[in-house]
Protein backbone atom coordinates (compact mmCIF):
# COMPACT_ATOMS: atom_id res chain seq x y z
CA MET A 1 -12.37 22.45 56.44
CA VAL A 2 -12.48 23.19 52.72
CA ALA A 3 -10.25 21.18 50.41
CA ILE A 4 -8.61 23.21 47.68
CA PRO A 5 -8.72 21.28 44.41
CA ARG A 6 -5.18 20.82 43.10
CA GLU A 7 -6.39 21.07 39.51
CA VAL A 8 -7.65 24.62 40.16
CA THR A 9 -4.46 25.97 41.69
CA LYS A 10 -0.76 25.47 41.30
CA ALA A 11 0.34 24.54 44.79
CA ARG A 12 3.81 25.62 45.87
CA PRO A 13 5.47 27.12 48.92
CA VAL A 14 5.36 30.89 48.98
CA GLU A 15 7.20 33.65 50.77
CA PHE A 16 4.84 36.49 51.55
CA ASP A 17 6.18 39.75 50.15
CA SER A 18 3.25 42.04 50.71
CA ALA A 19 1.35 43.62 53.56
CA ARG A 20 -1.88 43.27 51.59
CA THR A 21 -3.64 40.65 53.68
CA LYS A 22 -7.35 39.93 54.13
CA VAL A 23 -8.66 37.64 56.86
CA ASP A 24 -11.92 35.83 56.17
CA ARG A 25 -12.83 34.78 59.70
CA ALA A 26 -16.15 33.23 58.63
CA ARG A 27 -14.33 30.71 56.43
CA GLY A 28 -11.04 30.44 58.34
CA ARG A 29 -8.96 31.82 55.46
CA ILE A 30 -6.03 34.19 55.22
CA TRP A 31 -5.52 35.72 51.78
CA ARG A 32 -2.31 37.54 50.81
CA LEU A 33 -1.54 39.46 47.66
CA THR A 34 2.03 38.79 46.56
CA SER A 35 4.12 39.58 43.53
CA GLY A 36 3.32 36.09 42.26
CA GLY A 37 -0.46 36.21 42.66
CA VAL A 38 -2.75 35.50 45.60
CA SER A 39 -1.93 33.02 48.33
CA LEU A 40 -4.40 31.27 50.58
CA GLN A 41 -3.62 29.85 53.97
CA LEU A 42 -6.33 27.92 55.76
CA HIS A 43 -6.74 28.37 59.51
CA GLY A 44 -4.39 26.07 61.39
CA GLU A 45 -2.32 25.20 58.31
CA ARG A 46 1.32 26.16 57.89
CA SER A 47 1.53 25.90 54.12
CA ALA A 48 -0.26 28.00 51.55
CA VAL A 49 -1.26 27.67 47.93
CA VAL A 50 -0.83 30.36 45.31
CA PHE A 51 -3.46 31.21 42.74
CA ASP A 52 -2.05 32.44 39.45
CA LEU A 53 -3.92 35.39 37.98
CA PRO A 54 -4.04 34.94 34.18
CA GLY A 55 -2.86 38.05 32.35
CA TRP A 56 -2.26 39.98 35.58
CA ILE A 57 -0.29 43.14 34.79
CA VAL A 58 1.42 45.00 37.62
CA ALA A 59 3.79 47.97 37.64
CA GLY A 60 6.45 47.86 40.35
CA PRO A 61 6.57 50.20 43.35
CA VAL A 62 9.03 52.57 41.67
CA ALA A 63 6.53 53.32 38.87
CA ALA A 64 3.17 53.12 40.66
CA CYS A 65 1.26 52.40 43.84
CA MET A 66 0.78 48.67 44.40
CA PRO A 67 -2.38 46.79 43.38
CA ASP A 68 -4.91 45.71 46.00
CA MET A 69 -7.46 43.04 46.85
CA THR A 70 -10.62 42.81 48.90
CA LEU A 71 -13.25 40.33 49.99
CA GLY A 72 -16.65 40.52 48.33
CA PRO A 73 -20.01 39.91 50.02
CA LYS A 74 -19.97 36.13 49.44
CA GLY A 75 -16.32 35.61 50.42
CA GLU A 76 -14.94 36.00 46.91
CA VAL A 77 -11.54 37.63 46.51
CA ILE A 78 -11.27 40.56 44.09
CA VAL A 79 -7.80 41.60 42.89
CA THR A 80 -6.86 44.75 40.98
CA SER A 81 -4.16 45.63 38.49
CA ASN A 82 -2.44 48.96 39.07
CA VAL A 83 -2.04 49.36 35.29
CA ILE A 84 -5.28 48.34 33.55
CA PRO A 85 -9.01 48.40 34.42
CA THR A 86 -9.31 44.66 34.90
CA LEU A 87 -10.25 42.71 38.03
CA TRP A 88 -9.61 39.08 38.94
CA ARG A 89 -12.12 37.12 41.02
CA ILE A 90 -11.42 33.98 43.03
CA ASP A 91 -14.63 32.06 43.68
CA PRO A 92 -15.09 31.25 47.40
CA GLU A 93 -16.40 27.72 46.74
CA SER A 94 -14.62 26.37 43.66
CA PHE A 95 -11.51 28.60 43.89
CA ALA A 96 -11.80 29.19 40.15
CA VAL A 97 -10.10 32.38 38.95
CA SER A 98 -11.98 34.54 36.47
CA VAL A 99 -10.90 37.71 34.65
CA HIS A 100 -13.20 40.76 34.44
CA PRO A 101 -12.31 43.70 32.18
CA VAL A 102 -14.14 46.75 33.56
CA ALA A 103 -15.75 49.11 31.04
CA LEU A 104 -15.01 52.56 32.43
CA GLU A 105 -17.61 55.21 31.69
CA ALA A 106 -16.31 58.04 29.48
CA GLU A 107 -12.66 56.98 29.47
CA ASN A 108 -12.24 56.41 25.73
CA GLY A 109 -9.61 53.71 26.01
CA ARG A 110 -7.46 55.29 28.73
CA ASP A 111 -5.88 52.64 30.94
CA VAL A 112 -6.79 53.14 34.58
CA GLY A 113 -5.42 50.79 37.21
CA PHE A 114 -6.66 50.55 40.78
CA ASN A 115 -4.57 50.70 43.96
CA ILE A 116 -7.29 50.41 46.59
CA ILE A 117 -10.53 48.45 46.37
CA GLU A 118 -13.24 47.85 48.97
CA TYR A 119 -16.79 46.52 48.92
CA SER A 120 -19.66 48.70 50.18
CA ALA A 121 -22.58 46.56 51.36
CA PRO A 122 -25.00 49.52 51.66
CA ARG A 123 -24.31 50.51 48.05
CA GLY A 124 -23.97 46.96 46.70
CA ALA A 125 -20.84 47.87 44.77
CA PHE A 126 -17.07 47.99 44.93
CA PHE A 127 -15.20 51.29 45.19
CA ALA A 128 -11.71 51.55 43.74
CA VAL A 129 -9.06 54.27 43.80
CA SER A 130 -6.65 55.09 41.01
CA HIS A 131 -3.79 57.00 42.62
CA ALA A 132 -2.13 57.57 39.24
CA HIS A 133 -5.16 59.58 38.11
CA GLY A 134 -6.45 60.78 41.51
CA GLU A 135 -9.88 59.24 40.91
CA VAL A 136 -12.43 57.13 42.77
CA TRP A 137 -14.56 54.67 40.79
CA LYS A 138 -17.76 52.80 41.63
CA ILE A 139 -17.48 49.29 40.18
CA SER A 140 -20.65 47.27 39.60
CA SER A 141 -21.07 44.15 41.77
CA ASN A 142 -20.81 41.97 38.65
CA LEU A 143 -17.41 43.62 37.90
CA THR A 144 -18.34 44.80 34.41
CA ARG A 145 -18.84 48.60 34.64
CA GLY A 146 -17.05 51.47 36.32
CA GLU A 147 -18.45 54.92 36.99
CA LYS A 148 -16.20 57.78 38.09
CA VAL A 149 -17.49 59.24 41.37
CA VAL A 150 -14.59 61.55 42.22
CA ALA A 151 -12.56 63.20 39.49
CA ALA A 152 -8.89 64.08 39.69
CA ALA A 153 -7.97 67.13 41.72
CA PRO A 154 -5.05 69.23 40.47
CA SER A 155 -3.12 68.69 43.72
CA THR A 156 -3.10 64.90 43.19
CA GLN A 157 -1.35 65.16 39.85
CA SER A 158 2.22 64.68 41.05
CA ASN A 159 5.15 63.21 39.20
CA ASP A 160 6.09 61.27 42.34
CA ARG A 161 3.16 58.83 42.45
CA ARG A 162 4.76 56.57 45.06
CA SER A 163 4.86 59.33 47.66
CA THR A 164 1.08 59.69 47.40
CA CYS A 165 0.26 55.99 47.81
CA ALA A 166 -1.89 55.24 50.82
CA ILE A 167 -0.41 51.74 51.09
CA ASN A 168 2.85 50.61 49.50
């Protein structure tokens, strides 16, 4: 069993308020994205710890689709903002949280947040969806660059963004 260093996280009880859950069976971990950050529950444990995400910006469900998280190829957790093109990474060994602003190709300063993110092993990259803009982005495995792979379609440009969210 892995011990979570107290100096890395701020341990406190947490009520789970999100359906965004990832199970890492290989490491016996259950990760949940909540309004307060990311919680980790180890297999067989009742309590969980919450990892604060420095500078994490999130728009509520009335204004936007919710942010997302995924597991990377080494067991790292990657968390999105639904407002800005920045990702947070939780290291699978040290549990250190790092912040990764993503340089989006040809966006000229437009803020693009991501509501779905998944890792593609065959492509060696993450793929993220921005429901607000109706776009799919390929994110480099080092979390530094984003390349638009599917542009917005006119039918996705709705004023009611929440009704088009795949997961709320």
